[in-house]
Amino acid sequence: MGLRLSSPVLLYRKLRDRFDPTNWWKGLRWFLALAFAGLAVILVYQLVRLASGSQLVDLAILSEQFAMALGASILIVRAGLRLRPREVKSAWPFWASAVLLALAFVVVLPYAVPAFEIVYAVSGLIGWSLGLLVIIRDA
């Protein structure tokens, strides 16, 4: 859940550090703001649908989950590659399984545990909203 809350802010900061010196950073920043706002609106829609008891099989909800899973997966794999065992070759299977287990929790948990779906949507809404606030504050 902490990764779901912090991923949008970490994504924005990484992109800002990389593209801030360029001339077209202002346009990219506002594109990110619109994307973050759009993903937050999708999660509000998901929460309304969950509260009404209707079934969720919308393309919009799947696109938000895909965006979050992709971003979180990249963060996990990058962290895993930085912390990988360099000296001991016998530790590689344990390292690889830990990375795959972390990815499974991020990507599969909302589908495997239906009660977690509301927590997943709320944490995503908070995360994308925090990312949007950071973008607006930096503007």
Foldseek 3Di string as FASTA:
>chain_A
DVLLQALLQVVVVVVCVVPVVDPCVVVVLVVLLVVLVLLLVLLVVVLVCVVVVHDDDDPSPVVSLVVSLVSSLVVLVVVLVVPPDDPDPVCVVVSVVVSVVVSCCSNPVCVVDVVCVNVSSVSNSNRSVVSSVVSVVVD
